[in-house]
Each structure stands twice: as C-alpha cells, then as structure tokens.
Amino acid sequence: MAKLKTGRHTSSIKELRKSKKRQKFNKDIKEGIKLVIKQIKKAIANKSTDEAKKLLSEAVSKLDKAAKHNIFHPNATNRKKSQIMRLVNSSK
C-alpha cells in the first residue's frame, strides 16, 4: 500500500477507507441473513420442514456472528432467532 502524503487530513482519509471496508462487511452479513430468512419462509410455504430446519441452523449461526461483530444488538439477535424458530416449529 502506498504511503500517505503527510498533511492535515491523513487520519480522515484512513478512517474513510476503514469505514468503507466495515460497511461492506456489515452489508454482506446483513444481506446473508435476509437471504436465509427468505429461504426459510419459502421452504415453509412449500411444506418442506426438513429443509427449513437445515436453514434454521444456518440462520442462527449467521445471526450469532452478527451479534459477535456488533452489527445487531444481542437482544435484537435473540428476538430474530426466536421469531424464526417459532415460525419453523409452527409449520409442523
């Protein structure tokens, strides 16, 4: 990586790079969670409970990772997991 020119704004330039990288990371995780939840709902609509259960474990894993990285508040993560589990268990 090229060295920054010294000046007044070097720290702000570096912070901008860092924030863009973090934004991409957070967005990828959020989109992954939305995708899995959508797949779970689709599996439930198709009466495929086995597939929904497999996707449930993946969704819980992704939500836990999001909570670990402070993308979502831990309580919000627990609430989302509870909602998904209730949805899957009611489909039986």
C-alpha atoms as a PDB file:
ATOM      1  CA  MET A   1       0.000   0.000   0.000  1.00  0.00           C
ATOM      2  CA  ALA A   2       1.348   3.418  -0.912  1.00  0.00           C
ATOM      3  CA  LYS A   3       2.368   5.733   1.851  1.00  0.00           C
ATOM      4  CA  LEU A   4       0.031   8.615   2.589  1.00  0.00           C
ATOM      5  CA  LYS A   5       1.207  12.140   1.989  1.00  0.00           C
ATOM      6  CA  THR A   6       1.687  13.892   5.273  1.00  0.00           C
ATOM      7  CA  GLY A   7      -0.776  16.619   5.914  1.00  0.00           C
ATOM      8  CA  ARG A   8      -3.820  17.621   7.880  1.00  0.00           C
ATOM      9  CA  HIS A   9      -6.236  15.046   6.528  1.00  0.00           C
ATOM     10  CA  THR A  10      -4.259  11.793   6.561  1.00  0.00           C
ATOM     11  CA  SER A  11      -6.152  10.374   9.521  1.00  0.00           C
ATOM     12  CA  SER A  12      -9.527  11.204   7.978  1.00  0.00           C
ATOM     13  CA  ILE A  13      -8.502   9.552   4.702  1.00  0.00           C
ATOM     14  CA  LYS A  14      -7.509   6.414   6.556  1.00  0.00           C
ATOM     15  CA  GLU A  15     -10.756   6.440   8.594  1.00  0.00           C
ATOM     16  CA  LEU A  16     -12.749   6.744   5.367  1.00  0.00           C
ATOM     17  CA  ARG A  17     -11.028   3.645   3.971  1.00  0.00           C
ATOM     18  CA  LYS A  18     -11.692   1.754   7.194  1.00  0.00           C
ATOM     19  CA  SER A  19     -15.348   2.770   7.335  1.00  0.00           C
ATOM     20  CA  LYS A  20     -15.947   1.682   3.731  1.00  0.00           C
ATOM     21  CA  LYS A  21     -14.383  -1.701   4.464  1.00  0.00           C
ATOM     22  CA  ARG A  22     -16.525  -2.125   7.602  1.00  0.00           C
ATOM     23  CA  GLN A  23     -19.636  -1.007   5.717  1.00  0.00           C
ATOM     24  CA  LYS A  24     -19.078  -3.690   3.072  1.00  0.00           C
ATOM     25  CA  PHE A  25     -18.525  -6.360   5.745  1.00  0.00           C
ATOM     26  CA  ASN A  26     -21.697  -5.378   7.632  1.00  0.00           C
ATOM     27  CA  LYS A  27     -23.759  -5.197   4.455  1.00  0.00           C
ATOM     28  CA  ASP A  28     -22.637  -8.663   3.345  1.00  0.00           C
ATOM     29  CA  ILE A  29     -23.601 -10.202   6.672  1.00  0.00           C
ATOM     30  CA  LYS A  30     -26.994  -8.431   6.757  1.00  0.00           C
ATOM     31  CA  GLU A  31     -27.802  -9.497   3.191  1.00  0.00           C
ATOM     32  CA  GLY A  32     -26.812 -13.083   4.009  1.00  0.00           C
ATOM     33  CA  ILE A  33     -29.186 -13.112   6.966  1.00  0.00           C
ATOM     34  CA  LYS A  34     -32.048 -11.686   4.910  1.00  0.00           C
ATOM     35  CA  LEU A  35     -31.442 -14.288   2.202  1.00  0.00           C
ATOM     36  CA  VAL A  36     -31.510 -17.230   4.617  1.00  0.00           C
ATOM     37  CA  ILE A  37     -34.676 -15.962   6.308  1.00  0.00           C
ATOM     38  CA  LYS A  38     -36.338 -15.581   2.920  1.00  0.00           C
ATOM     39  CA  GLN A  39     -35.307 -19.158   2.035  1.00  0.00           C
ATOM     40  CA  ILE A  40     -36.753 -20.429   5.321  1.00  0.00           C
ATOM     41  CA  LYS A  41     -40.085 -18.737   4.614  1.00  0.00           C
ATOM     42  CA  LYS A  42     -40.079 -20.171   1.093  1.00  0.00           C
ATOM     43  CA  ALA A  43     -39.350 -23.682   2.421  1.00  0.00           C
ATOM     44  CA  ILE A  44     -42.203 -23.374   4.927  1.00  0.00           C
ATOM     45  CA  ALA A  45     -44.551 -22.241   2.163  1.00  0.00           C
ATOM     46  CA  ASN A  46     -43.542 -25.344   0.165  1.00  0.00           C
ATOM     47  CA  LYS A  47     -44.186 -27.562   3.228  1.00  0.00           C
ATOM     48  CA  SER A  48     -40.510 -28.604   3.311  1.00  0.00           C
ATOM     49  CA  THR A  49     -39.847 -28.768   7.051  1.00  0.00           C
ATOM     50  CA  ASP A  50     -36.564 -30.692   6.733  1.00  0.00           C
ATOM     51  CA  GLU A  51     -35.063 -28.007   4.535  1.00  0.00           C
ATOM     52  CA  ALA A  52     -36.384 -25.293   6.851  1.00  0.00           C
ATOM     53  CA  LYS A  53     -34.673 -26.941   9.832  1.00  0.00           C
ATOM     54  CA  LYS A  54     -31.343 -27.101   7.978  1.00  0.00           C
ATOM     55  CA  LEU A  55     -31.653 -23.450   7.029  1.00  0.00           C
ATOM     56  CA  LEU A  56     -32.609 -22.589  10.602  1.00  0.00           C
ATOM     57  CA  SER A  57     -29.221 -23.687  11.927  1.00  0.00           C
ATOM     58  CA  GLU A  58     -27.512 -21.623   9.228  1.00  0.00           C
ATOM     59  CA  ALA A  59     -29.614 -18.578  10.106  1.00  0.00           C
ATOM     60  CA  VAL A  60     -28.867 -18.908  13.817  1.00  0.00           C
ATOM     61  CA  SER A  61     -25.163 -19.156  13.035  1.00  0.00           C
ATOM     62  CA  LYS A  62     -25.250 -16.023  10.889  1.00  0.00           C
ATOM     63  CA  LEU A  63     -27.233 -14.098  13.496  1.00  0.00           C
ATOM     64  CA  ASP A  64     -24.774 -15.084  16.233  1.00  0.00           C
ATOM     65  CA  LYS A  65     -21.894 -13.906  14.067  1.00  0.00           C
ATOM     66  CA  ALA A  66     -23.664 -10.591  13.501  1.00  0.00           C
ATOM     67  CA  ALA A  67     -24.125 -10.156  17.251  1.00  0.00           C
ATOM     68  CA  LYS A  68     -20.485 -11.021  17.867  1.00  0.00           C
ATOM     69  CA  HIS A  69     -19.365  -8.286  15.474  1.00  0.00           C
ATOM     70  CA  ASN A  70     -21.860  -5.749  16.928  1.00  0.00           C
ATOM     71  CA  ILE A  71     -23.805  -5.499  13.677  1.00  0.00           C
ATOM     72  CA  PHE A  72     -27.015  -6.156  15.612  1.00  0.00           C
ATOM     73  CA  HIS A  73     -27.672  -5.704  19.311  1.00  0.00           C
ATOM     74  CA  PRO A  74     -27.575  -9.074  21.102  1.00  0.00           C
ATOM     75  CA  ASN A  75     -31.196  -8.736  22.226  1.00  0.00           C
ATOM     76  CA  ALA A  76     -32.301  -7.974  18.666  1.00  0.00           C
ATOM     77  CA  THR A  77     -30.431 -11.059  17.501  1.00  0.00           C
ATOM     78  CA  ASN A  78     -32.132 -13.204  20.125  1.00  0.00           C
ATOM     79  CA  ARG A  79     -35.511 -11.788  19.128  1.00  0.00           C
ATOM     80  CA  LYS A  80     -34.906 -12.589  15.446  1.00  0.00           C
ATOM     81  CA  LYS A  81     -33.786 -16.132  16.310  1.00  0.00           C
ATOM     82  CA  SER A  82     -36.876 -16.633  18.436  1.00  0.00           C
ATOM     83  CA  GLN A  83     -39.173 -15.422  15.654  1.00  0.00           C
ATOM     84  CA  ILE A  84     -37.565 -17.738  13.107  1.00  0.00           C
ATOM     85  CA  MET A  85     -37.670 -20.741  15.461  1.00  0.00           C
ATOM     86  CA  ARG A  86     -41.333 -20.066  16.222  1.00  0.00           C
ATOM     87  CA  LEU A  87     -42.052 -19.890  12.507  1.00  0.00           C
ATOM     88  CA  VAL A  88     -40.297 -23.215  11.794  1.00  0.00           C
ATOM     89  CA  ASN A  89     -41.841 -25.013  14.787  1.00  0.00           C
ATOM     90  CA  SER A  90     -45.362 -23.845  13.926  1.00  0.00           C
ATOM     91  CA  SER A  91     -45.031 -25.234  10.415  1.00  0.00           C
ATOM     92  CA  LYS A  92     -45.038 -28.853  11.640  1.00  0.00           C
END
